[in-house]
Amino acid sequence: MEKEFNKILIKVAEKLKSKPWKKVYLVPFGPAVLSMQIKLLVYRILYIETVDFLYAGHGVYYDLDINLRLIAAQSNQFKIQNY
């Protein structure tokens, strides 16, 4: 299983390095662990967050564009203020 994941992730890394990207959309599919690894790979190579599509059923999708850096910064502020 790990060898197959590595093959897929190498192809994704090559694609990410093939040109400059301003946004990367991620549609999670298949094993959740693979989608998580792809998301992390995008961040490690491009230093940008993915925009994730969430399928809500009945043909309805939501795009989640969450700024995790901002959340991380806010969590530190909250901890310091309430310590």
PDB file of N, CA and C in Angstrom:
ATOM      1  N   MET A   1       0.822  -1.187   0.000  1.00  0.00           N
ATOM      2  CA  MET A   1       0.000   0.000   0.000  1.00  0.00           C
ATOM      3  C   MET A   1       0.872   1.259   0.000  1.00  0.00           C
ATOM      4  N   GLU A   2       1.908   1.255   0.817  1.00  0.00           N
ATOM      5  CA  GLU A   2       2.775   2.435   0.907  1.00  0.00           C
ATOM      6  C   GLU A   2       3.469   2.722  -0.423  1.00  0.00           C
ATOM      7  N   LYS A   3       3.882   1.674  -1.135  1.00  0.00           N
ATOM      8  CA  LYS A   3       4.523   1.863  -2.444  1.00  0.00           C
ATOM      9  C   LYS A   3       3.566   2.532  -3.422  1.00  0.00           C
ATOM     10  N   GLU A   4       2.309   2.118  -3.403  1.00  0.00           N
ATOM     11  CA  GLU A   4       1.309   2.708  -4.296  1.00  0.00           C
ATOM     12  C   GLU A   4       1.075   4.174  -3.945  1.00  0.00           C
ATOM     13  N   PHE A   5       0.980   4.476  -2.660  1.00  0.00           N
ATOM     14  CA  PHE A   5       0.829   5.865  -2.232  1.00  0.00           C
ATOM     15  C   PHE A   5       2.020   6.690  -2.701  1.00  0.00           C
ATOM     16  N   ASN A   6       3.223   6.161  -2.531  1.00  0.00           N
ATOM     17  CA  ASN A   6       4.422   6.886  -2.950  1.00  0.00           C
ATOM     18  C   ASN A   6       4.391   7.186  -4.440  1.00  0.00           C
ATOM     19  N   LYS A   7       3.978   6.231  -5.256  1.00  0.00           N
ATOM     20  CA  LYS A   7       3.892   6.449  -6.707  1.00  0.00           C
ATOM     21  C   LYS A   7       2.922   7.586  -7.025  1.00  0.00           C
ATOM     22  N   ILE A   8       1.773   7.561  -6.374  1.00  0.00           N
ATOM     23  CA  ILE A   8       0.769   8.607  -6.597  1.00  0.00           C
ATOM     24  C   ILE A   8       1.301   9.960  -6.151  1.00  0.00           C
ATOM     25  N   LEU A   9       1.906  10.009  -4.973  1.00  0.00           N
ATOM     26  CA  LEU A   9       2.398  11.278  -4.428  1.00  0.00           C
ATOM     27  C   LEU A   9       3.544  11.844  -5.252  1.00  0.00           C
ATOM     28  N   ILE A  10       4.371  10.992  -5.824  1.00  0.00           N
ATOM     29  CA  ILE A  10       5.447  11.460  -6.702  1.00  0.00           C
ATOM     30  C   ILE A  10       4.851  12.130  -7.934  1.00  0.00           C
ATOM     31  N   LYS A  11       3.813  11.539  -8.501  1.00  0.00           N
ATOM     32  CA  LYS A  11       3.160  12.144  -9.670  1.00  0.00           C
ATOM     33  C   LYS A  11       2.517  13.481  -9.314  1.00  0.00           C
ATOM     34  N   VAL A  12       1.901  13.548  -8.149  1.00  0.00           N
ATOM     35  CA  VAL A  12       1.304  14.808  -7.695  1.00  0.00           C
ATOM     36  C   VAL A  12       2.395  15.856  -7.497  1.00  0.00           C
ATOM     37  N   ALA A  13       3.502  15.487  -6.872  1.00  0.00           N
ATOM     38  CA  ALA A  13       4.611  16.422  -6.641  1.00  0.00           C
ATOM     39  C   ALA A  13       5.166  16.939  -7.962  1.00  0.00           C
ATOM     40  N   GLU A  14       5.316  16.059  -8.939  1.00  0.00           N
ATOM     41  CA  GLU A  14       5.811  16.481 -10.255  1.00  0.00           C
ATOM     42  C   GLU A  14       4.856  17.486 -10.887  1.00  0.00           C
ATOM     43  N   LYS A  15       3.565  17.236 -10.778  1.00  0.00           N
ATOM     44  CA  LYS A  15       2.562  18.160 -11.327  1.00  0.00           C
ATOM     45  C   LYS A  15       2.628  19.503 -10.614  1.00  0.00           C
ATOM     46  N   LEU A  16       2.751  19.484  -9.299  1.00  0.00           N
ATOM     47  CA  LEU A  16       2.812  20.731  -8.536  1.00  0.00           C
ATOM     48  C   LEU A  16       4.042  21.553  -8.892  1.00  0.00           C
ATOM     49  N   LYS A  17       5.135  20.884  -9.207  1.00  0.00           N
ATOM     50  CA  LYS A  17       6.382  21.574  -9.546  1.00  0.00           C
ATOM     51  C   LYS A  17       6.445  21.982 -11.011  1.00  0.00           C
ATOM     52  N   SER A  18       5.457  21.598 -11.802  1.00  0.00           N
ATOM     53  CA  SER A  18       5.502  21.831 -13.243  1.00  0.00           C
ATOM     54  C   SER A  18       5.221  23.273 -13.641  1.00  0.00           C
ATOM     55  N   LYS A  19       4.584  24.040 -12.775  1.00  0.00           N
ATOM     56  CA  LYS A  19       4.262  25.437 -13.081  1.00  0.00           C
ATOM     57  C   LYS A  19       3.895  26.152 -11.792  1.00  0.00           C
ATOM     58  N   PRO A  20       3.838  27.485 -11.820  1.00  0.00           N
ATOM     59  CA  PRO A  20       3.401  28.209 -10.620  1.00  0.00           C
ATOM     60  C   PRO A  20       1.887  28.038 -10.417  1.00  0.00           C
ATOM     61  N   TRP A  21       1.488  27.888  -9.191  1.00  0.00           N
ATOM     62  CA  TRP A  21       0.079  27.717  -8.855  1.00  0.00           C
ATOM     63  C   TRP A  21      -0.333  28.804  -7.879  1.00  0.00           C
ATOM     64  N   LYS A  22      -1.498  29.407  -8.113  1.00  0.00           N
ATOM     65  CA  LYS A  22      -2.041  30.376  -7.164  1.00  0.00           C
ATOM     66  C   LYS A  22      -3.069  29.730  -6.254  1.00  0.00           C
ATOM     67  N   LYS A  23      -3.771  28.724  -6.782  1.00  0.00           N
ATOM     68  CA  LYS A  23      -4.783  28.004  -6.014  1.00  0.00           C
ATOM     69  C   LYS A  23      -4.759  26.551  -6.424  1.00  0.00           C
ATOM     70  N   VAL A  24      -5.002  25.694  -5.457  1.00  0.00           N
ATOM     71  CA  VAL A  24      -5.113  24.260  -5.720  1.00  0.00           C
ATOM     72  C   VAL A  24      -6.405  23.787  -5.071  1.00  0.00           C
ATOM     73  N   TYR A  25      -7.240  23.181  -5.878  1.00  0.00           N
ATOM     74  CA  TYR A  25      -8.503  22.632  -5.396  1.00  0.00           C
ATOM     75  C   TYR A  25      -8.327  21.144  -5.137  1.00  0.00           C
ATOM     76  N   LEU A  26      -8.813  20.688  -4.009  1.00  0.00           N
ATOM     77  CA  LEU A  26      -8.705  19.280  -3.638  1.00  0.00           C
ATOM     78  C   LEU A  26     -10.106  18.697  -3.484  1.00  0.00           C
ATOM     79  N   VAL A  27     -10.354  17.647  -4.251  1.00  0.00           N
ATOM     80  CA  VAL A  27     -11.605  16.907  -4.130  1.00  0.00           C
ATOM     81  C   VAL A  27     -11.248  15.574  -3.480  1.00  0.00           C
ATOM     82  N   PRO A  28     -11.509  15.439  -2.186  1.00  0.00           N
ATOM     83  CA  PRO A  28     -11.144  14.195  -1.503  1.00  0.00           C
ATOM     84  C   PRO A  28     -11.883  13.000  -2.110  1.00  0.00           C
ATOM     85  N   PHE A  29     -11.143  11.952  -2.340  1.00  0.00           N
ATOM     86  CA  PHE A  29     -11.716  10.729  -2.900  1.00  0.00           C
ATOM     87  C   PHE A  29     -10.859   9.564  -2.438  1.00  0.00           C
ATOM     88  N   GLY A  30     -11.385   8.381  -2.564  1.00  0.00           N
ATOM     89  CA  GLY A  30     -10.600   7.207  -2.188  1.00  0.00           C
ATOM     90  C   GLY A  30     -10.253   7.225  -0.709  1.00  0.00           C
ATOM     91  N   PRO A  31      -9.109   6.649  -0.377  1.00  0.00           N
ATOM     92  CA  PRO A  31      -8.702   6.594   1.032  1.00  0.00           C
ATOM     93  C   PRO A  31      -8.474   8.000   1.606  1.00  0.00           C
ATOM     94  N   ALA A  32      -9.053   8.262   2.766  1.00  0.00           N
ATOM     95  CA  ALA A  32      -8.897   9.570   3.411  1.00  0.00           C
ATOM     96  C   ALA A  32      -7.429   9.891   3.666  1.00  0.00           C
ATOM     97  N   VAL A  33      -6.648   8.879   3.997  1.00  0.00           N
ATOM     98  CA  VAL A  33      -5.222   9.090   4.278  1.00  0.00           C
ATOM     99  C   VAL A  33      -4.509   9.628   3.038  1.00  0.00           C
ATOM    100  N   LEU A  34      -4.866   9.147   1.869  1.00  0.00           N
ATOM    101  CA  LEU A  34      -4.247   9.635   0.635  1.00  0.00           C
ATOM    102  C   LEU A  34      -4.598  11.099   0.408  1.00  0.00           C
ATOM    103  N   SER A  35      -5.848  11.470   0.603  1.00  0.00           N
ATOM    104  CA  SER A  35      -6.251  12.872   0.453  1.00  0.00           C
ATOM    105  C   SER A  35      -5.508  13.767   1.437  1.00  0.00           C
ATOM    106  N   MET A  36      -5.331  13.285   2.663  1.00  0.00           N
ATOM    107  CA  MET A  36      -4.584  14.065   3.661  1.00  0.00           C
ATOM    108  C   MET A  36      -3.133  14.247   3.231  1.00  0.00           C
ATOM    109  N   GLN A  37      -2.532  13.208   2.695  1.00  0.00           N
ATOM    110  CA  GLN A  37      -1.141  13.294   2.251  1.00  0.00           C
ATOM    111  C   GLN A  37      -1.006  14.248   1.067  1.00  0.00           C
ATOM    112  N   ILE A  38      -1.967  14.225   0.151  1.00  0.00           N
ATOM    113  CA  ILE A  38      -1.941  15.150  -0.989  1.00  0.00           C
ATOM    114  C   ILE A  38      -2.052  16.583  -0.490  1.00  0.00           C
ATOM    115  N   LYS A  39      -2.956  16.824   0.451  1.00  0.00           N
ATOM    116  CA  LYS A  39      -3.118  18.170   1.015  1.00  0.00           C
ATOM    117  C   LYS A  39      -1.813  18.654   1.654  1.00  0.00           C
ATOM    118  N   LEU A  40      -1.186  17.792   2.416  1.00  0.00           N
ATOM    119  CA  LEU A  40       0.073  18.144   3.062  1.00  0.00           C
ATOM    120  C   LEU A  40       1.176  18.372   2.031  1.00  0.00           C
ATOM    121  N   LEU A  41       1.197  17.572   0.991  1.00  0.00           N
ATOM    122  CA  LEU A  41       2.202  17.715  -0.063  1.00  0.00           C
ATOM    123  C   LEU A  41       2.064  19.060  -0.770  1.00  0.00           C
ATOM    124  N   VAL A  42       0.833  19.468  -1.040  1.00  0.00           N
ATOM    125  CA  VAL A  42       0.597  20.784  -1.654  1.00  0.00           C
ATOM    126  C   VAL A  42       1.197  21.866  -0.769  1.00  0.00           C
ATOM    127  N   TYR A  43       0.945  21.792   0.518  1.00  0.00           N
ATOM    128  CA  TYR A  43       1.468  22.803   1.435  1.00  0.00           C
ATOM    129  C   TYR A  43       2.997  22.767   1.495  1.00  0.00           C
ATOM    130  N   ARG A  44       3.565  21.591   1.556  1.00  0.00           N
ATOM    131  CA  ARG A  44       5.023  21.469   1.672  1.00  0.00           C
ATOM    132  C   ARG A  44       5.741  21.985   0.430  1.00  0.00           C
ATOM    133  N   ILE A  45       5.147  21.808  -0.738  1.00  0.00           N
ATOM    134  CA  ILE A  45       5.800  22.228  -1.981  1.00  0.00           C
ATOM    135  C   ILE A  45       5.490  23.680  -2.317  1.00  0.00           C
ATOM    136  N   LEU A  46       4.228  24.080  -2.195  1.00  0.00           N
ATOM    137  CA  LEU A  46       3.808  25.402  -2.661  1.00  0.00           C
ATOM    138  C   LEU A  46       3.631  26.430  -1.549  1.00  0.00           C
ATOM    139  N   TYR A  47       3.577  25.989  -0.309  1.00  0.00           N
ATOM    140  CA  TYR A  47       3.322  26.869   0.836  1.00  0.00           C
ATOM    141  C   TYR A  47       1.974  27.576   0.726  1.00  0.00           C
ATOM    142  N   ILE A  48       0.994  26.909   0.123  1.00  0.00           N
ATOM    143  CA  ILE A  48      -0.364  27.440   0.073  1.00  0.00           C
ATOM    144  C   ILE A  48      -1.328  26.365   0.575  1.00  0.00           C
ATOM    145  N   GLU A  49      -2.449  26.822   1.098  1.00  0.00           N
ATOM    146  CA  GLU A  49      -3.495  25.903   1.538  1.00  0.00           C
ATOM    147  C   GLU A  49      -4.320  25.481   0.330  1.00  0.00           C
ATOM    148  N   THR A  50      -4.861  24.294   0.363  1.00  0.00           N
ATOM    149  CA  THR A  50      -5.773  23.866  -0.687  1.00  0.00           C
ATOM    150  C   THR A  50      -7.168  24.416  -0.399  1.00  0.00           C
ATOM    151  N   VAL A  51      -7.961  24.539  -1.463  1.00  0.00           N
ATOM    152  CA  VAL A  51      -9.389  24.786  -1.327  1.00  0.00           C
ATOM    153  C   VAL A  51     -10.029  23.414  -1.449  1.00  0.00           C
ATOM    154  N   ASP A  52     -10.700  22.983  -0.409  1.00  0.00           N
ATOM    155  CA  ASP A  52     -11.236  21.625  -0.362  1.00  0.00           C
ATOM    156  C   ASP A  52     -12.722  21.623  -0.707  1.00  0.00           C
ATOM    157  N   PHE A  53     -13.115  20.680  -1.545  1.00  0.00           N
ATOM    158  CA  PHE A  53     -14.525  20.530  -1.890  1.00  0.00           C
ATOM    159  C   PHE A  53     -15.156  19.495  -0.980  1.00  0.00           C
ATOM    160  N   LEU A  54     -16.288  19.854  -0.425  1.00  0.00           N
ATOM    161  CA  LEU A  54     -17.033  18.975   0.466  1.00  0.00           C
ATOM    162  C   LEU A  54     -18.338  18.609  -0.221  1.00  0.00           C
ATOM    163  N   TYR A  55     -18.558  17.325  -0.429  1.00  0.00           N
ATOM    164  CA  TYR A  55     -19.805  16.863  -1.028  1.00  0.00           C
ATOM    165  C   TYR A  55     -20.837  16.708   0.075  1.00  0.00           C
ATOM    166  N   ALA A  56     -21.950  17.450  -0.057  1.00  0.00           N
ATOM    167  CA  ALA A  56     -22.988  17.442   0.971  1.00  0.00           C
ATOM    168  C   ALA A  56     -24.154  16.524   0.606  1.00  0.00           C
ATOM    169  N   GLY A  57     -24.064  15.861  -0.523  1.00  0.00           N
ATOM    170  CA  GLY A  57     -25.144  14.981  -0.967  1.00  0.00           C
ATOM    171  C   GLY A  57     -26.080  15.676  -1.937  1.00  0.00           C
ATOM    172  N   HIS A  58     -26.818  14.891  -2.689  1.00  0.00           N
ATOM    173  CA  HIS A  58     -27.803  15.404  -3.647  1.00  0.00           C
ATOM    174  C   HIS A  58     -27.192  16.381  -4.648  1.00  0.00           C
ATOM    175  N   GLY A  59     -25.947  16.162  -5.044  1.00  0.00           N
ATOM    176  CA  GLY A  59     -25.291  17.019  -6.034  1.00  0.00           C
ATOM    177  C   GLY A  59     -24.836  18.367  -5.508  1.00  0.00           C
ATOM    178  N   VAL A  60     -24.831  18.549  -4.206  1.00  0.00           N
ATOM    179  CA  VAL A  60     -24.443  19.826  -3.600  1.00  0.00           C
ATOM    180  C   VAL A  60     -23.009  19.728  -3.085  1.00  0.00           C
ATOM    181  N   TYR A  61     -22.189  20.704  -3.499  1.00  0.00           N
ATOM    182  CA  TYR A  61     -20.797  20.778  -3.060  1.00  0.00           C
ATOM    183  C   TYR A  61     -20.554  22.121  -2.382  1.00  0.00           C
ATOM    184  N   TYR A  62     -19.669  22.126  -1.422  1.00  0.00           N
ATOM    185  CA  TYR A  62     -19.210  23.359  -0.774  1.00  0.00           C
ATOM    186  C   TYR A  62     -17.701  23.428  -0.932  1.00  0.00           C
ATOM    187  N   ASP A  63     -17.200  24.627  -1.215  1.00  0.00           N
ATOM    188  CA  ASP A  63     -15.746  24.771  -1.231  1.00  0.00           C
ATOM    189  C   ASP A  63     -15.311  25.401   0.086  1.00  0.00           C
ATOM    190  N   LEU A  64     -14.374  24.739   0.730  1.00  0.00           N
ATOM    191  CA  LEU A  64     -13.858  25.179   2.025  1.00  0.00           C
ATOM    192  C   LEU A  64     -12.483  25.797   1.816  1.00  0.00           C
ATOM    193  N   ASP A  65     -12.418  27.100   1.990  1.00  0.00           N
ATOM    194  CA  ASP A  65     -11.153  27.822   1.838  1.00  0.00           C
ATOM    195  C   ASP A  65     -10.778  28.352   3.218  1.00  0.00           C
ATOM    196  N   ILE A  66     -10.195  27.500   4.025  1.00  0.00           N
ATOM    197  CA  ILE A  66      -9.907  27.811   5.425  1.00  0.00           C
ATOM    198  C   ILE A  66      -8.445  28.215   5.570  1.00  0.00           C
ATOM    199  N   ASN A  67      -8.220  29.368   6.182  1.00  0.00           N
ATOM    200  CA  ASN A  67      -6.864  29.856   6.404  1.00  0.00           C
ATOM    201  C   ASN A  67      -6.353  29.274   7.731  1.00  0.00           C
ATOM    202  N   LEU A  68      -5.636  28.179   7.641  1.00  0.00           N
ATOM    203  CA  LEU A  68      -5.164  27.505   8.858  1.00  0.00           C
ATOM    204  C   LEU A  68      -4.105  28.307   9.600  1.00  0.00           C
ATOM    205  N   ARG A  69      -3.345  29.130   8.883  1.00  0.00           N
ATOM    206  CA  ARG A  69      -2.353  29.980   9.563  1.00  0.00           C
ATOM    207  C   ARG A  69      -3.051  30.961  10.490  1.00  0.00           C
ATOM    208  N   LEU A  70      -4.147  31.541  10.009  1.00  0.00           N
ATOM    209  CA  LEU A  70      -4.913  32.478  10.825  1.00  0.00           C
ATOM    210  C   LEU A  70      -5.503  31.773  12.045  1.00  0.00           C
ATOM    211  N   ILE A  71      -6.024  30.592  11.848  1.00  0.00           N
ATOM    212  CA  ILE A  71      -6.573  29.820  12.966  1.00  0.00           C
ATOM    213  C   ILE A  71      -5.480  29.509  13.987  1.00  0.00           C
ATOM    214  N   ALA A  72      -4.318  29.117  13.511  1.00  0.00           N
ATOM    215  CA  ALA A  72      -3.204  28.818  14.416  1.00  0.00           C
ATOM    216  C   ALA A  72      -2.800  30.063  15.199  1.00  0.00           C
ATOM    217  N   ALA A  73      -2.751  31.207  14.521  1.00  0.00           N
ATOM    218  CA  ALA A  73      -2.379  32.455  15.193  1.00  0.00           C
ATOM    219  C   ALA A  73      -3.433  32.851  16.222  1.00  0.00           C
ATOM    220  N   GLN A  74      -4.695  32.710  15.865  1.00  0.00           N
ATOM    221  CA  GLN A  74      -5.772  33.058  16.796  1.00  0.00           C
ATOM    222  C   GLN A  74      -5.773  32.140  18.010  1.00  0.00           C
ATOM    223  N   SER A  75      -5.439  30.895  17.817  1.00  0.00           N
ATOM    224  CA  SER A  75      -5.433  29.969  18.948  1.00  0.00           C
ATOM    225  C   SER A  75      -4.345  30.343  19.946  1.00  0.00           C
ATOM    226  N   ASN A  76      -3.214  30.837  19.462  1.00  0.00           N
ATOM    227  CA  ASN A  76      -2.154  31.282  20.365  1.00  0.00           C
ATOM    228  C   ASN A  76      -2.583  32.523  21.130  1.00  0.00           C
ATOM    229  N   GLN A  77      -3.262  33.451  20.448  1.00  0.00           N
ATOM    230  CA  GLN A  77      -3.743  34.656  21.119  1.00  0.00           C
ATOM    231  C   GLN A  77      -4.728  34.287  22.216  1.00  0.00           C
ATOM    232  N   PHE A  78      -5.640  33.374  21.905  1.00  0.00           N
ATOM    233  CA  PHE A  78      -6.646  32.956  22.881  1.00  0.00           C
ATOM    234  C   PHE A  78      -5.977  32.328  24.096  1.00  0.00           C
ATOM    235  N   LYS A  79      -4.987  31.499  23.870  1.00  0.00           N
ATOM    236  CA  LYS A  79      -4.307  30.816  24.968  1.00  0.00           C
ATOM    237  C   LYS A  79      -3.581  31.822  25.862  1.00  0.00           C
ATOM    238  N   ILE A  80      -2.913  32.799  25.257  1.00  0.00           N
ATOM    239  CA  ILE A  80      -2.159  33.793  26.020  1.00  0.00           C
ATOM    240  C   ILE A  80      -3.114  34.684  26.816  1.00  0.00           C
ATOM    241  N   GLN A  81      -4.213  35.124  26.172  1.00  0.00           N
ATOM    242  CA  GLN A  81      -5.159  36.018  26.836  1.00  0.00           C
ATOM    243  C   GLN A  81      -5.885  35.334  27.989  1.00  0.00           C
ATOM    244  N   ASN A  82      -6.119  34.052  27.869  1.00  0.00           N
ATOM    245  CA  ASN A  82      -6.900  33.337  28.881  1.00  0.00           C
ATOM    246  C   ASN A  82      -6.046  32.472  29.794  1.00  0.00           C
ATOM    247  N   TYR A  83      -4.777  32.741  29.860  1.00  0.00           N
ATOM    248  CA  TYR A  83      -3.884  31.925  30.666  1.00  0.00           C
ATOM    249  C   TYR A  83      -3.929  32.318  32.098  1.00  0.00           C
TER     250      TYR A  83
END
